[in-house]
C-alpha atoms as a PDB file:
ATOM      1  CA  MET A   1     -95.032  -8.939  20.086  1.00  0.00           C
ATOM      2  CA  ALA A   2     -97.586  -9.276  17.311  1.00  0.00           C
ATOM      3  CA  HIS A   3     -96.383  -8.181  14.265  1.00  0.00           C
ATOM      4  CA  GLN A   4     -99.170  -5.305  12.425  1.00  0.00           C
ATOM      5  CA  CYS A   5     -99.441  -4.200   8.850  1.00  0.00           C
ATOM      6  CA  GLY A   6     -99.988  -0.874   9.786  1.00  0.00           C
ATOM      7  CA  ARG A   7     -98.114   0.043  12.600  1.00  0.00           C
ATOM      8  CA  LYS A   8     -97.807   3.622  13.622  1.00  0.00           C
ATOM      9  CA  GLY A   9     -94.828   4.153  13.345  1.00  0.00           C
ATOM     10  CA  PHE A  10     -90.742   3.155  12.803  1.00  0.00           C
ATOM     11  CA  THR A  11     -89.508   0.408  15.338  1.00  0.00           C
ATOM     12  CA  LEU A  12     -85.717   0.799  16.356  1.00  0.00           C
ATOM     13  CA  ILE A  13     -83.978  -0.774  13.506  1.00  0.00           C
ATOM     14  CA  GLU A  14     -85.673   0.645  11.085  1.00  0.00           C
ATOM     15  CA  LEU A  15     -85.055   4.014  13.021  1.00  0.00           C
ATOM     16  CA  LEU A  16     -81.289   3.517  13.436  1.00  0.00           C
ATOM     17  CA  VAL A  17     -81.386   2.664   9.334  1.00  0.00           C
ATOM     18  CA  VAL A  18     -82.703   5.891   8.300  1.00  0.00           C
ATOM     19  CA  ILE A  19     -80.302   7.516  11.148  1.00  0.00           C
ATOM     20  CA  ALA A  20     -78.023   6.251   9.218  1.00  0.00           C
ATOM     21  CA  ILE A  21     -78.426   6.549   5.781  1.00  0.00           C
ATOM     22  CA  ILE A  22     -79.230  10.659   6.495  1.00  0.00           C
ATOM     23  CA  ALA A  23     -75.883  10.983   8.032  1.00  0.00           C
ATOM     24  CA  ILE A  24     -74.531   9.245   5.412  1.00  0.00           C
ATOM     25  CA  LEU A  25     -75.723  11.256   2.698  1.00  0.00           C
ATOM     26  CA  ALA A  26     -75.491  14.533   5.085  1.00  0.00           C
ATOM     27  CA  ALA A  27     -71.151  13.547   5.422  1.00  0.00           C
END
């Protein structure tokens, strides 16, 4: 997996982090 500077989407880890933050803020 080559690292791309301009990725078009979130990686699985980043997606989980975003969901976790939203869950905490929405709690």
